[in-house]
PDB file of N, CA and C in Angstrom:
ATOM      1  N   LEU A   1     184.677 -28.260  91.783  1.00  0.00           N
ATOM      2  CA  LEU A   1     184.024 -29.415  91.045  1.00  0.00           C
ATOM      3  C   LEU A   1     183.296 -28.846  89.870  1.00  0.00           C
ATOM      4  N   LYS A   2     182.966 -29.626  89.070  1.00  0.00           N
ATOM      5  CA  LYS A   2     182.288 -28.993  87.901  1.00  0.00           C
ATOM      6  C   LYS A   2     180.819 -28.996  88.268  1.00  0.00           C
ATOM      7  N   HIS A   3     180.101 -27.961  87.651  1.00  0.00           N
ATOM      8  CA  HIS A   3     178.913 -27.684  87.963  1.00  0.00           C
ATOM      9  C   HIS A   3     177.847 -28.854  87.736  1.00  0.00           C
ATOM     10  N   GLY A   4     177.987 -29.822  86.608  1.00  0.00           N
ATOM     11  CA  GLY A   4     177.149 -30.761  86.672  1.00  0.00           C
ATOM     12  C   GLY A   4     177.379 -31.692  87.759  1.00  0.00           C
ATOM     13  N   ILE A   5     178.483 -31.929  88.413  1.00  0.00           N
ATOM     14  CA  ILE A   5     178.625 -32.795  89.683  1.00  0.00           C
ATOM     15  C   ILE A   5     178.074 -32.320  91.002  1.00  0.00           C
ATOM     16  N   ILE A   6     178.141 -30.893  90.913  1.00  0.00           N
ATOM     17  CA  ILE A   6     177.642 -30.190  92.087  1.00  0.00           C
ATOM     18  C   ILE A   6     176.064 -30.456  92.096  1.00  0.00           C
ATOM     19  N   SER A   7     175.558 -30.102  90.970  1.00  0.00           N
ATOM     20  CA  SER A   7     174.077 -30.108  90.406  1.00  0.00           C
ATOM     21  C   SER A   7     173.634 -31.385  91.118  1.00  0.00           C
ATOM     22  N   GLU A   8     174.272 -32.673  90.716  1.00  0.00           N
ATOM     23  CA  GLU A   8     173.818 -34.003  90.966  1.00  0.00           C
ATOM     24  C   GLU A   8     173.890 -34.275  92.490  1.00  0.00           C
ATOM     25  N   ILE A   9     174.846 -33.849  93.299  1.00  0.00           N
ATOM     26  CA  ILE A   9     175.183 -33.764  94.493  1.00  0.00           C
ATOM     27  C   ILE A   9     173.833 -33.175  95.155  1.00  0.00           C
ATOM     28  N   ASN A  10     173.598 -31.846  94.782  1.00  0.00           N
ATOM     29  CA  ASN A  10     172.487 -31.051  95.543  1.00  0.00           C
ATOM     30  C   ASN A  10     171.321 -31.836  95.303  1.00  0.00           C
ATOM     31  N   ASP A  11     170.744 -32.354  93.990  1.00  0.00           N
ATOM     32  CA  ASP A  11     169.643 -33.219  93.708  1.00  0.00           C
ATOM     33  C   ASP A  11     169.569 -34.322  94.920  1.00  0.00           C
ATOM     34  N   TYR A  12     170.773 -34.926  94.977  1.00  0.00           N
ATOM     35  CA  TYR A  12     170.767 -36.260  95.914  1.00  0.00           C
ATOM     36  C   TYR A  12     170.164 -35.825  97.244  1.00  0.00           C
ATOM     37  N   TYR A  13     170.851 -34.840  97.798  1.00  0.00           N
ATOM     38  CA  TYR A  13     170.345 -34.420  99.246  1.00  0.00           C
ATOM     39  C   TYR A  13     169.045 -33.792  99.306  1.00  0.00           C
ATOM     40  N   SER A  14     168.816 -33.109  98.175  1.00  0.00           N
ATOM     41  CA  SER A  14     167.259 -32.363  98.261  1.00  0.00           C
ATOM     42  C   SER A  14     166.196 -33.447  98.213  1.00  0.00           C
ATOM     43  N   LYS A  15     166.422 -34.617  97.749  1.00  0.00           N
ATOM     44  CA  LYS A  15     165.523 -35.600  97.644  1.00  0.00           C
ATOM     45  C   LYS A  15     165.549 -36.503  99.146  1.00  0.00           C
ATOM     46  N   GLY A  16     166.134 -36.059 100.081  1.00  0.00           N
ATOM     47  CA  GLY A  16     166.038 -36.396 101.288  1.00  0.00           C
ATOM     48  C   GLY A  16     167.085 -37.818 101.574  1.00  0.00           C
ATOM     49  N   ASN A  17     167.909 -38.171 100.568  1.00  0.00           N
ATOM     50  CA  ASN A  17     168.971 -39.338 100.609  1.00  0.00           C
ATOM     51  C   ASN A  17     169.688 -38.990 101.799  1.00  0.00           C
ATOM     52  N   ASN A  18     170.068 -40.140 102.179  1.00  0.00           N
ATOM     53  CA  ASN A  18     171.173 -40.299 103.476  1.00  0.00           C
ATOM     54  C   ASN A  18     172.645 -39.974 102.767  1.00  0.00           C
ATOM     55  N   VAL A  19     173.522 -39.475 103.690  1.00  0.00           N
ATOM     56  CA  VAL A  19     174.843 -39.612 103.610  1.00  0.00           C
ATOM     57  C   VAL A  19     175.414 -41.029 103.800  1.00  0.00           C
ATOM     58  N   VAL A  20     176.116 -41.501 102.617  1.00  0.00           N
ATOM     59  CA  VAL A  20     176.898 -42.678 102.865  1.00  0.00           C
ATOM     60  C   VAL A  20     178.173 -42.537 103.351  1.00  0.00           C
ATOM     61  N   VAL A  21     178.527 -43.371 104.538  1.00  0.00           N
ATOM     62  CA  VAL A  21     179.632 -43.356 105.273  1.00  0.00           C
ATOM     63  C   VAL A  21     180.278 -44.711 105.259  1.00  0.00           C
ATOM     64  N   ARG A  22     181.440 -44.810 104.786  1.00  0.00           N
ATOM     65  CA  ARG A  22     181.923 -46.112 104.960  1.00  0.00           C
ATOM     66  C   ARG A  22     181.998 -46.671 106.393  1.00  0.00           C
ATOM     67  N   LYS A  23     181.791 -47.642 106.755  1.00  0.00           N
ATOM     68  CA  LYS A  23     182.154 -48.129 108.298  1.00  0.00           C
ATOM     69  C   LYS A  23     183.444 -48.031 108.929  1.00  0.00           C
ATOM     70  N   ASP A  24     184.276 -48.093 107.737  1.00  0.00           N
ATOM     71  CA  ASP A  24     185.653 -48.166 108.484  1.00  0.00           C
ATOM     72  C   ASP A  24     186.555 -46.704 108.390  1.00  0.00           C
ATOM     73  N   TYR A  25     185.642 -45.628 107.832  1.00  0.00           N
ATOM     74  CA  TYR A  25     185.993 -44.367 107.850  1.00  0.00           C
ATOM     75  C   TYR A  25     186.128 -43.744 109.036  1.00  0.00           C
ATOM     76  N   ASN A  26     187.149 -43.384 109.615  1.00  0.00           N
ATOM     77  CA  ASN A  26     187.414 -42.663 110.789  1.00  0.00           C
ATOM     78  C   ASN A  26     188.471 -41.375 110.499  1.00  0.00           C
ATOM     79  N   LEU A  27     187.791 -40.316 110.672  1.00  0.00           N
ATOM     80  CA  LEU A  27     188.295 -39.024 110.484  1.00  0.00           C
ATOM     81  C   LEU A  27     189.520 -38.675 111.284  1.00  0.00           C
ATOM     82  N   GLU A  28     189.302 -39.210 112.707  1.00  0.00           N
ATOM     83  CA  GLU A  28     190.502 -38.966 113.615  1.00  0.00           C
ATOM     84  C   GLU A  28     191.690 -39.704 112.943  1.00  0.00           C
ATOM     85  N   ASN A  29     191.542 -40.951 112.490  1.00  0.00           N
ATOM     86  CA  ASN A  29     192.709 -41.662 112.163  1.00  0.00           C
ATOM     87  C   ASN A  29     193.333 -41.020 110.690  1.00  0.00           C
ATOM     88  N   ILE A  30     192.391 -40.485 110.054  1.00  0.00           N
ATOM     89  CA  ILE A  30     192.996 -39.827 108.585  1.00  0.00           C
ATOM     90  C   ILE A  30     193.805 -38.481 109.073  1.00  0.00           C
ATOM     91  N   LEU A  31     193.227 -37.684 109.976  1.00  0.00           N
ATOM     92  CA  LEU A  31     193.878 -36.627 110.329  1.00  0.00           C
ATOM     93  C   LEU A  31     195.299 -36.965 111.260  1.00  0.00           C
ATOM     94  N   LYS A  32     195.346 -37.911 111.844  1.00  0.00           N
ATOM     95  CA  LYS A  32     196.488 -38.484 112.632  1.00  0.00           C
ATOM     96  C   LYS A  32     197.332 -38.881 111.409  1.00  0.00           C
ATOM     97  N   LYS A  33     197.041 -39.623 110.461  1.00  0.00           N
ATOM     98  CA  LYS A  33     197.927 -39.838 109.396  1.00  0.00           C
ATOM     99  C   LYS A  33     198.572 -38.620 108.694  1.00  0.00           C
ATOM    100  N   SER A  34     197.527 -37.706 108.206  1.00  0.00           N
ATOM    101  CA  SER A  34     198.049 -36.530 107.663  1.00  0.00           C
ATOM    102  C   SER A  34     199.010 -35.974 108.514  1.00  0.00           C
ATOM    103  N   LYS A  35     198.778 -35.609 109.745  1.00  0.00           N
ATOM    104  CA  LYS A  35     199.653 -34.864 110.572  1.00  0.00           C
ATOM    105  C   LYS A  35     200.968 -35.658 110.712  1.00  0.00           C
ATOM    106  N   SER A  36     201.086 -36.986 110.783  1.00  0.00           N
ATOM    107  CA  SER A  36     202.099 -37.863 110.996  1.00  0.00           C
ATOM    108  C   SER A  36     203.010 -37.444 109.607  1.00  0.00           C
ATOM    109  N   SER A  37     202.440 -37.650 108.425  1.00  0.00           N
ATOM    110  CA  SER A  37     202.983 -37.625 107.262  1.00  0.00           C
ATOM    111  C   SER A  37     203.646 -36.099 107.006  1.00  0.00           C
ATOM    112  N   SER A  38     202.994 -34.929 107.393  1.00  0.00           N
ATOM    113  CA  SER A  38     203.640 -33.759 107.388  1.00  0.00           C
ATOM    114  C   SER A  38     204.670 -33.559 108.422  1.00  0.00           C
ATOM    115  N   GLU A  39     204.777 -33.939 109.566  1.00  0.00           N
ATOM    116  CA  GLU A  39     205.775 -34.134 110.530  1.00  0.00           C
ATOM    117  C   GLU A  39     206.838 -34.766 110.139  1.00  0.00           C
ATOM    118  N   SER A  40     206.565 -35.930 109.203  1.00  0.00           N
ATOM    119  CA  SER A  40     207.834 -36.642 108.495  1.00  0.00           C
ATOM    120  C   SER A  40     208.454 -35.902 107.598  1.00  0.00           C
ATOM    121  N   VAL A  41     207.674 -35.183 106.883  1.00  0.00           N
ATOM    122  CA  VAL A  41     208.536 -34.404 105.813  1.00  0.00           C
ATOM    123  C   VAL A  41     209.250 -33.185 106.489  1.00  0.00           C
ATOM    124  N   GLN A  42     208.765 -32.593 107.367  1.00  0.00           N
ATOM    125  CA  GLN A  42     209.418 -31.795 108.044  1.00  0.00           C
ATOM    126  C   GLN A  42     210.758 -32.260 108.810  1.00  0.00           C
ATOM    127  N   SER A  43     210.611 -33.456 109.416  1.00  0.00           N
ATOM    128  CA  SER A  43     211.785 -33.968 110.144  1.00  0.00           C
ATOM    129  C   SER A  43     212.713 -34.508 108.971  1.00  0.00           C
ATOM    130  N   ASN A  44     212.360 -34.885 107.946  1.00  0.00           N
ATOM    131  CA  ASN A  44     213.227 -35.140 106.646  1.00  0.00           C
ATOM    132  C   ASN A  44     214.066 -34.026 106.321  1.00  0.00           C
ATOM    133  N   LYS A  45     213.627 -32.776 106.280  1.00  0.00           N
ATOM    134  CA  LYS A  45     214.133 -31.464 105.972  1.00  0.00           C
ATOM    135  C   LYS A  45     215.152 -31.212 106.935  1.00  0.00           C
ATOM    136  N   ILE A  46     214.741 -31.521 108.080  1.00  0.00           N
ATOM    137  CA  ILE A  46     215.706 -31.156 109.487  1.00  0.00           C
ATOM    138  C   ILE A  46     217.098 -32.055 109.214  1.00  0.00           C
ATOM    139  N   VAL A  47     216.542 -33.387 108.999  1.00  0.00           N
ATOM    140  CA  VAL A  47     217.839 -34.472 108.934  1.00  0.00           C
ATOM    141  C   VAL A  47     218.605 -33.940 107.553  1.00  0.00           C
ATOM    142  N   ASP A  48     218.081 -33.347 106.541  1.00  0.00           N
ATOM    143  CA  ASP A  48     218.814 -32.998 105.439  1.00  0.00           C
ATOM    144  C   ASP A  48     219.856 -31.836 105.873  1.00  0.00           C
ATOM    145  N   LYS A  49     219.278 -30.981 106.673  1.00  0.00           N
ATOM    146  CA  LYS A  49     220.157 -29.787 106.981  1.00  0.00           C
ATOM    147  C   LYS A  49     221.058 -30.417 107.923  1.00  0.00           C
ATOM    148  N   ILE A  50     221.014 -31.093 108.917  1.00  0.00           N
ATOM    149  CA  ILE A  50     221.767 -31.608 109.825  1.00  0.00           C
ATOM    150  C   ILE A  50     223.181 -32.333 109.000  1.00  0.00           C
ATOM    151  N   LYS A  51     222.641 -33.252 108.217  1.00  0.00           N
ATOM    152  CA  LYS A  51     223.761 -33.802 107.273  1.00  0.00           C
ATOM    153  C   LYS A  51     224.568 -32.724 106.560  1.00  0.00           C
ATOM    154  N   GLU A  52     224.190 -31.858 105.919  1.00  0.00           N
ATOM    155  CA  GLU A  52     224.688 -30.873 105.319  1.00  0.00           C
ATOM    156  C   GLU A  52     225.852 -30.213 106.194  1.00  0.00           C
ATOM    157  N   VAL A  53     225.164 -29.498 107.189  1.00  0.00           N
ATOM    158  CA  VAL A  53     226.281 -28.918 108.416  1.00  0.00           C
ATOM    159  C   VAL A  53     227.175 -29.902 108.715  1.00  0.00           C
ATOM    160  N   LEU A  54     226.910 -31.323 109.178  1.00  0.00           N
ATOM    161  CA  LEU A  54     228.078 -32.391 109.362  1.00  0.00           C
ATOM    162  C   LEU A  54     228.980 -32.337 108.366  1.00  0.00           C
ATOM    163  N   ASP A  55     228.426 -32.319 107.248  1.00  0.00           N
ATOM    164  CA  ASP A  55     229.607 -32.607 105.801  1.00  0.00           C
ATOM    165  C   ASP A  55     230.196 -31.374 105.612  1.00  0.00           C
ATOM    166  N   SER A  56     229.486 -30.246 105.435  1.00  0.00           N
ATOM    167  CA  SER A  56     230.266 -29.159 105.164  1.00  0.00           C
ATOM    168  C   SER A  56     231.083 -28.465 106.328  1.00  0.00           C
ATOM    169  N   LYS A  57     230.749 -28.355 107.584  1.00  0.00           N
ATOM    170  CA  LYS A  57     231.614 -27.781 108.505  1.00  0.00           C
ATOM    171  C   LYS A  57     232.145 -28.495 109.574  1.00  0.00           C
ATOM    172  N   ILE A  58     231.643 -29.524 109.922  1.00  0.00           N
ATOM    173  CA  ILE A  58     232.028 -30.365 111.050  1.00  0.00           C
ATOM    174  C   ILE A  58     233.062 -31.541 110.728  1.00  0.00           C
ATOM    175  N   ARG A  59     232.946 -32.232 109.769  1.00  0.00           N
ATOM    176  CA  ARG A  59     233.506 -33.325 109.318  1.00  0.00           C
ATOM    177  C   ARG A  59     234.898 -32.808 108.764  1.00  0.00           C
ATOM    178  N   PRO A  60     234.955 -31.881 107.980  1.00  0.00           N
ATOM    179  CA  PRO A  60     236.413 -31.472 107.671  1.00  0.00           C
ATOM    180  C   PRO A  60     237.246 -30.936 108.955  1.00  0.00           C
ATOM    181  N   ALA A  61     236.744 -30.454 109.913  1.00  0.00           N
ATOM    182  CA  ALA A  61     237.256 -30.269 110.998  1.00  0.00           C
ATOM    183  C   ALA A  61     237.817 -31.208 111.809  1.00  0.00           C
ATOM    184  N   VAL A  62     236.908 -32.194 112.066  1.00  0.00           N
ATOM    185  CA  VAL A  62     237.110 -33.566 112.583  1.00  0.00           C
ATOM    186  C   VAL A  62     238.296 -34.165 112.030  1.00  0.00           C
ATOM    187  N   ALA A  63     238.114 -34.296 110.630  1.00  0.00           N
ATOM    188  CA  ALA A  63     239.088 -35.108 109.713  1.00  0.00           C
ATOM    189  C   ALA A  63     240.576 -34.658 109.805  1.00  0.00           C
ATOM    190  N   LYS A  64     240.836 -33.282 110.108  1.00  0.00           N
ATOM    191  CA  LYS A  64     242.066 -32.814 110.376  1.00  0.00           C
ATOM    192  C   LYS A  64     242.925 -33.664 111.541  1.00  0.00           C
ATOM    193  N   ASP A  65     242.006 -33.985 112.425  1.00  0.00           N
ATOM    194  CA  ASP A  65     242.438 -34.609 113.710  1.00  0.00           C
ATOM    195  C   ASP A  65     242.479 -36.155 113.554  1.00  0.00           C
ATOM    196  N   GLY A  66     242.372 -36.630 112.227  1.00  0.00           N
ATOM    197  CA  GLY A  66     242.286 -38.173 112.050  1.00  0.00           C
ATOM    198  C   GLY A  66     241.214 -38.745 112.217  1.00  0.00           C
ATOM    199  N   GLY A  67     240.061 -37.931 112.601  1.00  0.00           N
ATOM    200  CA  GLY A  67     238.640 -38.601 113.003  1.00  0.00           C
ATOM    201  C   GLY A  67     237.733 -38.510 111.874  1.00  0.00           C
ATOM    202  N   ASP A  68     236.478 -38.842 112.329  1.00  0.00           N
ATOM    203  CA  ASP A  68     235.296 -38.959 111.294  1.00  0.00           C
ATOM    204  C   ASP A  68     234.095 -38.893 112.393  1.00  0.00           C
ATOM    205  N   ILE A  69     233.129 -38.264 111.792  1.00  0.00           N
ATOM    206  CA  ILE A  69     231.756 -38.049 112.560  1.00  0.00           C
ATOM    207  C   ILE A  69     230.679 -38.817 111.501  1.00  0.00           C
ATOM    208  N   ALA A  70     229.655 -39.475 111.839  1.00  0.00           N
ATOM    209  CA  ALA A  70     228.584 -39.991 111.174  1.00  0.00           C
ATOM    210  C   ALA A  70     227.363 -39.771 111.664  1.00  0.00           C
ATOM    211  N   PHE A  71     226.369 -39.290 110.803  1.00  0.00           N
ATOM    212  CA  PHE A  71     224.945 -39.104 111.521  1.00  0.00           C
ATOM    213  C   PHE A  71     224.354 -40.331 111.600  1.00  0.00           C
ATOM    214  N   LYS A  72     223.490 -40.589 112.850  1.00  0.00           N
ATOM    215  CA  LYS A  72     222.866 -41.933 113.265  1.00  0.00           C
ATOM    216  C   LYS A  72     221.298 -41.389 113.125  1.00  0.00           C
ATOM    217  N   SER A  73     220.864 -40.311 113.747  1.00  0.00           N
ATOM    218  CA  SER A  73     219.524 -40.233 113.963  1.00  0.00           C
ATOM    219  C   SER A  73     219.145 -38.888 114.519  1.00  0.00           C
ATOM    220  N   PHE A  74     217.808 -38.401 114.384  1.00  0.00           N
ATOM    221  CA  PHE A  74     217.308 -37.176 114.952  1.00  0.00           C
ATOM    222  C   PHE A  74     216.033 -37.483 115.378  1.00  0.00           C
ATOM    223  N   THR A  75     215.789 -37.360 116.738  1.00  0.00           N
ATOM    224  CA  THR A  75     214.634 -37.720 117.465  1.00  0.00           C
ATOM    225  C   THR A  75     214.324 -36.799 118.672  1.00  0.00           C
ATOM    226  N   ASP A  76     213.300 -36.092 118.558  1.00  0.00           N
ATOM    227  CA  ASP A  76     212.892 -35.295 119.576  1.00  0.00           C
ATOM    228  C   ASP A  76     214.145 -34.060 119.977  1.00  0.00           C
ATOM    229  N   GLY A  77     214.322 -33.599 119.004  1.00  0.00           N
ATOM    230  CA  GLY A  77     215.425 -32.441 119.205  1.00  0.00           C
ATOM    231  C   GLY A  77     216.866 -32.888 119.369  1.00  0.00           C
ATOM    232  N   VAL A  78     217.143 -34.168 119.541  1.00  0.00           N
ATOM    233  CA  VAL A  78     218.535 -34.839 119.859  1.00  0.00           C
ATOM    234  C   VAL A  78     219.036 -35.356 118.736  1.00  0.00           C
ATOM    235  N   VAL A  79     220.294 -35.083 118.298  1.00  0.00           N
ATOM    236  CA  VAL A  79     220.922 -35.596 117.019  1.00  0.00           C
ATOM    237  C   VAL A  79     221.971 -36.842 117.875  1.00  0.00           C
ATOM    238  N   THR A  80     221.808 -37.873 117.320  1.00  0.00           N
ATOM    239  CA  THR A  80     222.630 -39.098 117.546  1.00  0.00           C
ATOM    240  C   THR A  80     224.049 -39.315 116.472  1.00  0.00           C
ATOM    241  N   VAL A  81     225.137 -39.027 116.755  1.00  0.00           N
ATOM    242  CA  VAL A  81     226.391 -39.200 115.920  1.00  0.00           C
ATOM    243  C   VAL A  81     227.138 -40.386 116.353  1.00  0.00           C
ATOM    244  N   GLU A  82     227.911 -40.786 115.364  1.00  0.00           N
ATOM    245  CA  GLU A  82     228.917 -41.811 115.961  1.00  0.00           C
ATOM    246  C   GLU A  82     230.282 -41.044 115.822  1.00  0.00           C
ATOM    247  N   LEU A  83     231.330 -41.168 116.342  1.00  0.00           N
ATOM    248  CA  LEU A  83     232.535 -40.751 116.351  1.00  0.00           C
ATOM    249  C   LEU A  83     233.354 -42.062 116.001  1.00  0.00           C
ATOM    250  N   LYS A  84     234.178 -41.605 115.030  1.00  0.00           N
ATOM    251  CA  LYS A  84     234.926 -42.686 114.366  1.00  0.00           C
ATOM    252  C   LYS A  84     236.434 -42.375 114.609  1.00  0.00           C
ATOM    253  N   GLY A  85     237.332 -43.233 114.084  1.00  0.00           N
ATOM    254  CA  GLY A  85     238.675 -42.832 113.897  1.00  0.00           C
ATOM    255  C   GLY A  85     239.244 -42.568 115.410  1.00  0.00           C
ATOM    256  N   SER A  86     240.104 -41.602 115.010  1.00  0.00           N
ATOM    257  CA  SER A  86     240.981 -41.021 116.351  1.00  0.00           C
ATOM    258  C   SER A  86     239.777 -40.379 117.566  1.00  0.00           C
ATOM    259  N   CYS A  87     238.723 -39.965 116.891  1.00  0.00           N
ATOM    260  CA  CYS A  87     237.739 -39.476 117.710  1.00  0.00           C
ATOM    261  C   CYS A  87     237.062 -40.436 118.822  1.00  0.00           C
ATOM    262  N   SER A  88     237.001 -41.814 118.244  1.00  0.00           N
ATOM    263  CA  SER A  88     236.401 -42.642 119.209  1.00  0.00           C
ATOM    264  C   SER A  88     236.787 -42.894 120.424  1.00  0.00           C
ATOM    265  N   GLY A  89     238.307 -42.841 120.646  1.00  0.00           N
ATOM    266  CA  GLY A  89     238.740 -42.972 122.183  1.00  0.00           C
ATOM    267  C   GLY A  89     239.396 -42.079 122.686  1.00  0.00           C
ATOM    268  N   CYS A  90     239.220 -40.909 122.087  1.00  0.00           N
ATOM    269  CA  CYS A  90     239.932 -39.546 122.435  1.00  0.00           C
ATOM    270  C   CYS A  90     239.196 -39.127 123.872  1.00  0.00           C
ATOM    271  N   PRO A  91     239.905 -38.753 124.611  1.00  0.00           N
ATOM    272  CA  PRO A  91     239.348 -38.238 125.974  1.00  0.00           C
ATOM    273  C   PRO A  91     238.589 -36.872 125.757  1.00  0.00           C
ATOM    274  N   SER A  92     238.947 -36.147 124.712  1.00  0.00           N
ATOM    275  CA  SER A  92     238.591 -34.662 124.424  1.00  0.00           C
ATOM    276  C   SER A  92     237.108 -34.877 123.436  1.00  0.00           C
ATOM    277  N   SER A  93     236.816 -36.087 123.551  1.00  0.00           N
ATOM    278  CA  SER A  93     235.396 -36.262 122.187  1.00  0.00           C
ATOM    279  C   SER A  93     234.370 -35.692 122.778  1.00  0.00           C
ATOM    280  N   VAL A  94     234.352 -35.859 124.235  1.00  0.00           N
ATOM    281  CA  VAL A  94     232.950 -35.367 124.640  1.00  0.00           C
ATOM    282  C   VAL A  94     232.916 -33.776 124.911  1.00  0.00           C
ATOM    283  N   MET A  95     233.973 -33.070 125.157  1.00  0.00           N
ATOM    284  CA  MET A  95     234.117 -31.680 124.983  1.00  0.00           C
ATOM    285  C   MET A  95     233.943 -31.160 123.374  1.00  0.00           C
ATOM    286  N   THR A  96     234.499 -32.106 122.412  1.00  0.00           N
ATOM    287  CA  THR A  96     234.217 -31.617 120.942  1.00  0.00           C
ATOM    288  C   THR A  96     232.999 -31.885 120.633  1.00  0.00           C
ATOM    289  N   LEU A  97     232.328 -32.867 121.060  1.00  0.00           N
ATOM    290  CA  LEU A  97     230.843 -33.110 120.652  1.00  0.00           C
ATOM    291  C   LEU A  97     230.151 -31.745 121.177  1.00  0.00           C
ATOM    292  N   LYS A  98     230.038 -31.761 122.497  1.00  0.00           N
ATOM    293  CA  LYS A  98     229.170 -30.671 123.171  1.00  0.00           C
ATOM    294  C   LYS A  98     229.655 -29.205 122.729  1.00  0.00           C
ATOM    295  N   GLN A  99     230.836 -28.707 122.982  1.00  0.00           N
ATOM    296  CA  GLN A  99     231.192 -27.466 122.602  1.00  0.00           C
ATOM    297  C   GLN A  99     231.342 -27.223 120.956  1.00  0.00           C
ATOM    298  N   GLY A 100     231.616 -28.054 120.238  1.00  0.00           N
ATOM    299  CA  GLY A 100     232.068 -27.765 118.809  1.00  0.00           C
ATOM    300  C   GLY A 100     230.717 -28.414 118.229  1.00  0.00           C
ATOM    301  N   VAL A 101     230.460 -29.680 117.974  1.00  0.00           N
ATOM    302  CA  VAL A 101     229.378 -29.919 117.220  1.00  0.00           C
ATOM    303  C   VAL A 101     227.928 -29.636 117.602  1.00  0.00           C
ATOM    304  N   GLN A 102     227.526 -29.685 118.841  1.00  0.00           N
ATOM    305  CA  GLN A 102     226.363 -29.428 119.551  1.00  0.00           C
ATOM    306  C   GLN A 102     226.132 -27.918 119.334  1.00  0.00           C
ATOM    307  N   ASN A 103     227.224 -27.187 119.493  1.00  0.00           N
ATOM    308  CA  ASN A 103     226.911 -25.548 119.373  1.00  0.00           C
ATOM    309  C   ASN A 103     226.946 -25.389 117.802  1.00  0.00           C
ATOM    310  N   LEU A 104     227.409 -25.924 116.865  1.00  0.00           N
ATOM    311  CA  LEU A 104     227.392 -25.573 115.632  1.00  0.00           C
ATOM    312  C   LEU A 104     225.917 -26.030 115.012  1.00  0.00           C
ATOM    313  N   LEU A 105     225.405 -27.321 115.391  1.00  0.00           N
ATOM    314  CA  LEU A 105     224.345 -27.748 114.848  1.00  0.00           C
ATOM    315  C   LEU A 105     223.041 -26.867 115.342  1.00  0.00           C
ATOM    316  N   CYS A 106     223.181 -26.230 116.771  1.00  0.00           N
ATOM    317  CA  CYS A 106     222.186 -25.714 117.278  1.00  0.00           C
ATOM    318  C   CYS A 106     222.122 -24.294 116.745  1.00  0.00           C
ATOM    319  N   HIS A 107     223.319 -23.641 116.465  1.00  0.00           N
ATOM    320  CA  HIS A 107     223.199 -22.189 115.815  1.00  0.00           C
ATOM    321  C   HIS A 107     222.539 -22.485 114.425  1.00  0.00           C
ATOM    322  N   TYR A 108     222.880 -23.454 113.656  1.00  0.00           N
ATOM    323  CA  TYR A 108     222.365 -23.498 112.231  1.00  0.00           C
ATOM    324  C   TYR A 108     221.037 -24.186 112.106  1.00  0.00           C
ATOM    325  N   ILE A 109     220.699 -24.791 113.276  1.00  0.00           N
ATOM    326  CA  ILE A 109     219.321 -25.617 112.974  1.00  0.00           C
ATOM    327  C   ILE A 109     218.763 -25.569 114.441  1.00  0.00           C
ATOM    328  N   PRO A 110     217.858 -24.455 114.465  1.00  0.00           N
ATOM    329  CA  PRO A 110     217.114 -24.461 116.088  1.00  0.00           C
ATOM    330  C   PRO A 110     216.347 -25.474 116.405  1.00  0.00           C
ATOM    331  N   GLU A 111     216.046 -26.446 115.638  1.00  0.00           N
ATOM    332  CA  GLU A 111     215.321 -27.438 116.142  1.00  0.00           C
ATOM    333  C   GLU A 111     216.175 -28.419 116.898  1.00  0.00           C
ATOM    334  N   VAL A 112     217.400 -28.364 116.659  1.00  0.00           N
ATOM    335  CA  VAL A 112     218.190 -29.428 117.399  1.00  0.00           C
ATOM    336  C   VAL A 112     218.495 -28.821 118.877  1.00  0.00           C
ATOM    337  N   LYS A 113     218.310 -29.703 119.931  1.00  0.00           N
ATOM    338  CA  LYS A 113     218.447 -29.353 121.179  1.00  0.00           C
ATOM    339  C   LYS A 113     219.800 -29.614 121.778  1.00  0.00           C
ATOM    340  N   SER A 114     220.293 -30.764 121.521  1.00  0.00           N
ATOM    341  CA  SER A 114     221.503 -31.474 121.883  1.00  0.00           C
ATOM    342  C   SER A 114     221.828 -32.593 120.962  1.00  0.00           C
ATOM    343  N   VAL A 115     222.999 -33.054 121.462  1.00  0.00           N
ATOM    344  CA  VAL A 115     224.046 -34.072 120.381  1.00  0.00           C
ATOM    345  C   VAL A 115     224.387 -34.887 121.414  1.00  0.00           C
ATOM    346  N   GLU A 116     224.232 -36.124 121.045  1.00  0.00           N
ATOM    347  CA  GLU A 116     224.855 -37.250 121.901  1.00  0.00           C
ATOM    348  C   GLU A 116     225.855 -38.144 120.808  1.00  0.00           C
ATOM    349  N   ALA A 117     226.553 -39.079 121.331  1.00  0.00           N
ATOM    350  CA  ALA A 117     227.515 -39.916 120.474  1.00  0.00           C
ATOM    351  C   ALA A 117     227.026 -41.509 121.037  1.00  0.00           C
ATOM    352  N   ASN A 118     226.864 -42.462 120.268  1.00  0.00           N
ATOM    353  CA  ASN A 118     226.743 -43.659 120.678  1.00  0.00           C
ATOM    354  C   ASN A 118     227.891 -44.531 120.467  1.00  0.00           C
TER     355      ASN A 118
END
């Protein structure tokens, strides 16, 4: 802060004036919002990484077998994807999902704990 502003604040308090606090001011809510905002930014970065791995490493392999995979969500370490094309009804899709997709995502993105299809 500029010297003049600090000087005015010091004068105000030295004269015995009270601190003015808004009635709707709630530090806990402000801190929660700040934490939520930073968690959201972190989550967005993770989602971007997930999509990048899906697009660059997983989708091309799935497409070779006539299928496709689409990102749906990421919540509490769980990635939800949608299997499309020949993958949607394939009996091997669960094995592909767990041993292929999940292993790759967990390898490249430590925040990923499991992968599910909806």
